């Protein structure tokens, strides 16, 4: 089978089954486009965010503050 016959067959199938091709493109292309958008947004956010050491939180101090704020009015003996 030569190249012209293959192109003719491909065009014939595309013209005949174009609704199926459109649905397949939407069902496959939509999620792929969504993944690309999410990846791009994540890359931009990672690029413009502050360095890790600037976002460090003292976890022990946080929980001590929370325990002090809640401590007096709570009864866990039930």
N, C-alpha and C. Protein backbone atom coordinates (compact mmCIF):
# COMPACT_ATOMS: atom_id res chain seq x y z
N UNK A 1 0.86 -1.17 0.00
CA UNK A 1 0.00 0.00 0.00
C UNK A 1 0.90 1.23 0.00
N UNK A 2 0.68 2.12 -0.94
CA UNK A 2 1.53 3.30 -1.02
C UNK A 2 1.02 4.42 -0.11
N UNK A 3 1.78 5.49 -0.02
CA UNK A 3 1.49 6.57 0.91
C UNK A 3 0.20 7.30 0.54
N UNK A 4 -0.09 7.48 -0.74
CA UNK A 4 -1.33 8.16 -1.14
C UNK A 4 -2.56 7.37 -0.72
N UNK A 5 -2.49 6.07 -0.82
CA UNK A 5 -3.62 5.24 -0.42
C UNK A 5 -3.84 5.33 1.09
N UNK A 6 -2.77 5.37 1.86
CA UNK A 6 -2.91 5.50 3.31
C UNK A 6 -3.51 6.85 3.69
N UNK A 7 -3.05 7.92 3.05
CA UNK A 7 -3.63 9.25 3.33
C UNK A 7 -5.10 9.29 2.94
N UNK A 8 -5.43 8.70 1.81
CA UNK A 8 -6.82 8.68 1.38
C UNK A 8 -7.69 7.91 2.38
N UNK A 9 -7.20 6.79 2.85
CA UNK A 9 -7.93 6.00 3.82
C UNK A 9 -8.07 6.77 5.14
N UNK A 10 -7.02 7.44 5.58
CA UNK A 10 -7.07 8.21 6.82
C UNK A 10 -8.08 9.35 6.71
N UNK A 11 -8.09 10.06 5.60
CA UNK A 11 -9.04 11.16 5.41
C UNK A 11 -10.46 10.61 5.33
N UNK A 12 -10.65 9.51 4.65
CA UNK A 12 -11.97 8.90 4.55
C UNK A 12 -12.49 8.50 5.93
N UNK A 13 -11.65 7.88 6.75
CA UNK A 13 -12.06 7.50 8.10
C UNK A 13 -12.34 8.72 8.97
N UNK A 14 -11.53 9.76 8.82
CA UNK A 14 -11.75 10.98 9.60
C UNK A 14 -13.06 11.65 9.22
N UNK A 15 -13.34 11.71 7.93
CA UNK A 15 -14.60 12.32 7.47
C UNK A 15 -15.79 11.48 7.90
N UNK A 16 -15.64 10.19 7.88
CA UNK A 16 -16.75 9.30 8.24
C UNK A 16 -17.03 9.30 9.73
N UNK A 17 -15.98 9.25 10.53
CA UNK A 17 -16.14 9.09 11.98
C UNK A 17 -15.73 10.34 12.76
N UNK A 18 -15.94 11.53 12.20
CA UNK A 18 -15.49 12.75 12.87
C UNK A 18 -16.16 12.98 14.23
N UNK A 19 -17.42 12.60 14.46
CA UNK A 19 -17.97 12.82 15.81
C UNK A 19 -17.23 12.00 16.88
N UNK A 20 -16.86 10.78 16.54
CA UNK A 20 -16.12 9.95 17.49
C UNK A 20 -14.74 10.54 17.75
N UNK A 21 -14.13 11.08 16.71
CA UNK A 21 -12.81 11.70 16.85
C UNK A 21 -12.91 12.93 17.74
N UNK A 22 -13.94 13.73 17.58
CA UNK A 22 -14.12 14.93 18.40
C UNK A 22 -14.34 14.56 19.86
N UNK A 23 -15.19 13.57 20.11
CA UNK A 23 -15.44 13.13 21.49
C UNK A 23 -14.16 12.59 22.11
N UNK A 24 -13.41 11.81 21.36
CA UNK A 24 -12.15 11.27 21.88
C UNK A 24 -11.17 12.39 22.19
N UNK A 25 -11.09 13.39 21.32
CA UNK A 25 -10.20 14.52 21.59
C UNK A 25 -10.61 15.29 22.84
N UNK A 26 -11.90 15.45 23.05
CA UNK A 26 -12.37 16.17 24.24
C UNK A 26 -12.09 15.35 25.49
N UNK A 27 -12.37 14.05 25.44
CA UNK A 27 -12.19 13.21 26.62
C UNK A 27 -10.72 12.99 26.96
N UNK A 28 -9.85 12.99 25.98
CA UNK A 28 -8.43 12.80 26.23
C UNK A 28 -7.72 14.14 26.35
N UNK A 29 -8.04 15.06 25.48
CA UNK A 29 -7.36 16.36 25.47
C UNK A 29 -7.71 17.23 26.66
N UNK A 30 -8.93 17.15 27.15
CA UNK A 30 -9.33 17.97 28.29
C UNK A 30 -8.53 17.66 29.54
N UNK A 31 -8.47 16.41 29.97
CA UNK A 31 -7.65 16.09 31.14
C UNK A 31 -6.16 16.38 30.93
N UNK A 32 -5.66 16.13 29.73
CA UNK A 32 -4.26 16.43 29.47
C UNK A 32 -3.99 17.92 29.58
N UNK A 33 -4.89 18.73 29.03
CA UNK A 33 -4.73 20.18 29.15
C UNK A 33 -4.82 20.61 30.60
N UNK A 34 -5.71 20.00 31.37
CA UNK A 34 -5.81 20.31 32.79
C UNK A 34 -4.52 19.97 33.52
N UNK A 35 -3.91 18.84 33.21
CA UNK A 35 -2.64 18.47 33.84
C UNK A 35 -1.55 19.47 33.49
N UNK A 36 -1.52 19.91 32.27
CA UNK A 36 -0.51 20.90 31.86
C UNK A 36 -0.72 22.21 32.59
N UNK A 37 -1.96 22.64 32.73
CA UNK A 37 -2.24 23.89 33.43
C UNK A 37 -1.86 23.78 34.90
N UNK A 38 -2.21 22.68 35.55
CA UNK A 38 -1.87 22.49 36.97
C UNK A 38 -0.35 22.45 37.14
N UNK A 39 0.35 21.78 36.25
CA UNK A 39 1.81 21.71 36.34
C UNK A 39 2.43 23.09 36.16
N UNK A 40 1.91 23.87 35.22
CA UNK A 40 2.45 25.21 34.99
C UNK A 40 2.20 26.11 36.19
N UNK A 41 1.01 26.05 36.76
CA UNK A 41 0.70 26.86 37.94
C UNK A 41 1.58 26.44 39.11
N UNK A 42 1.77 25.16 39.30
CA UNK A 42 2.64 24.68 40.38
C UNK A 42 4.08 25.12 40.19
N UNK A 43 4.56 25.11 38.95
CA UNK A 43 5.93 25.55 38.69
C UNK A 43 6.08 27.04 38.95
N UNK A 44 5.08 27.81 38.57
CA UNK A 44 5.14 29.26 38.82
C UNK A 44 5.10 29.54 40.31
N UNK A 45 4.21 28.85 41.03
CA UNK A 45 4.12 29.07 42.48
C UNK A 45 5.41 28.66 43.17
N UNK A 46 6.03 27.58 42.73
CA UNK A 46 7.29 27.15 43.33
C UNK A 46 8.40 28.14 43.02
N UNK A 47 8.33 28.76 41.86
CA UNK A 47 9.35 29.72 41.47
C UNK A 47 9.26 31.04 42.21
N UNK A 48 8.06 31.46 42.57
CA UNK A 48 7.90 32.77 43.21
C UNK A 48 7.74 32.67 44.72
N UNK A 49 7.70 31.45 45.29
CA UNK A 49 7.50 31.32 46.73
C UNK A 49 8.80 31.62 47.47
N UNK A 50 8.64 31.93 48.74
CA UNK A 50 9.81 32.19 49.58
C UNK A 50 10.58 30.90 49.81
N UNK A 51 11.86 31.02 50.13
CA UNK A 51 12.65 29.81 50.42
C UNK A 51 12.10 29.07 51.64
N UNK A 52 12.42 27.80 51.74
CA UNK A 52 11.91 26.95 52.82
C UNK A 52 12.27 27.48 54.20
N UNK A 53 13.49 27.97 54.38
CA UNK A 53 13.89 28.39 55.71
C UNK A 53 13.11 29.61 56.19
N UNK A 54 12.55 30.38 55.28
CA UNK A 54 11.75 31.54 55.67
C UNK A 54 10.36 31.11 56.15
N UNK A 55 9.93 29.90 55.83
CA UNK A 55 8.60 29.45 56.21
C UNK A 55 8.62 28.46 57.38
N UNK A 56 9.77 28.31 58.02
CA UNK A 56 9.86 27.36 59.14
C UNK A 56 8.98 27.80 60.29
N UNK A 57 8.33 26.84 60.93
CA UNK A 57 7.45 27.10 62.07
C UNK A 57 7.94 26.24 63.22
N UNK A 58 8.00 26.83 64.41
CA UNK A 58 8.37 26.07 65.60
C UNK A 58 7.12 25.32 66.07
N UNK A 59 7.05 24.05 65.75
CA UNK A 59 5.86 23.25 66.01
C UNK A 59 5.61 23.11 67.50
N UNK A 60 6.66 22.88 68.27
CA UNK A 60 6.50 22.72 69.71
C UNK A 60 5.93 23.98 70.34
N UNK A 61 6.42 25.14 69.92
CA UNK A 61 5.90 26.41 70.47
C UNK A 61 4.44 26.60 70.08
N UNK A 62 4.09 26.23 68.87
CA UNK A 62 2.70 26.36 68.43
C UNK A 62 1.77 25.54 69.31
N UNK A 63 2.13 24.28 69.57
CA UNK A 63 1.26 23.43 70.37
C UNK A 63 1.24 23.84 71.83
N UNK A 64 2.35 24.39 72.32
CA UNK A 64 2.35 24.90 73.69
C UNK A 64 1.38 26.07 73.83
N UNK A 65 1.37 26.95 72.84
CA UNK A 65 0.44 28.09 72.85
C UNK A 65 -1.01 27.59 72.79
N UNK A 66 -1.26 26.62 71.95
CA UNK A 66 -2.62 26.09 71.82
C UNK A 66 -3.06 25.42 73.12
N UNK A 67 -2.17 24.66 73.74
CA UNK A 67 -2.51 23.98 74.99
C UNK A 67 -2.76 24.99 76.10
N UNK A 68 -1.99 26.06 76.12
CA UNK A 68 -2.17 27.08 77.15
C UNK A 68 -3.50 27.80 76.96
N UNK A 69 -3.89 28.01 75.71
CA UNK A 69 -5.14 28.72 75.43
C UNK A 69 -6.35 27.86 75.78
N UNK A 70 -6.25 26.56 75.62
CA UNK A 70 -7.39 25.67 75.83
C UNK A 70 -7.39 25.11 77.25
N UNK A 71 -6.23 24.97 77.86
CA UNK A 71 -6.01 24.24 79.09
C UNK A 71 -7.01 24.42 80.21
N UNK A 72 -7.34 25.62 80.62
CA UNK A 72 -8.12 25.82 81.85
C UNK A 72 -9.56 25.40 81.72
N UNK A 73 -10.20 25.61 80.61
CA UNK A 73 -11.64 25.37 80.51
C UNK A 73 -12.02 24.01 79.97
N UNK A 74 -11.12 23.05 79.96
CA UNK A 74 -11.41 21.78 79.31
C UNK A 74 -11.38 20.65 80.33
N UNK A 75 -12.34 19.74 80.21
CA UNK A 75 -12.40 18.58 81.11
C UNK A 75 -12.42 17.33 80.24
N UNK A 76 -11.30 16.60 80.21
CA UNK A 76 -11.20 15.39 79.39
C UNK A 76 -11.44 14.12 80.19
N UNK A 77 -12.03 14.22 81.37
CA UNK A 77 -12.17 13.04 82.21
C UNK A 77 -13.38 12.19 81.88
N UNK A 78 -14.14 12.55 80.91
CA UNK A 78 -15.36 11.81 80.57
C UNK A 78 -15.01 10.56 79.80
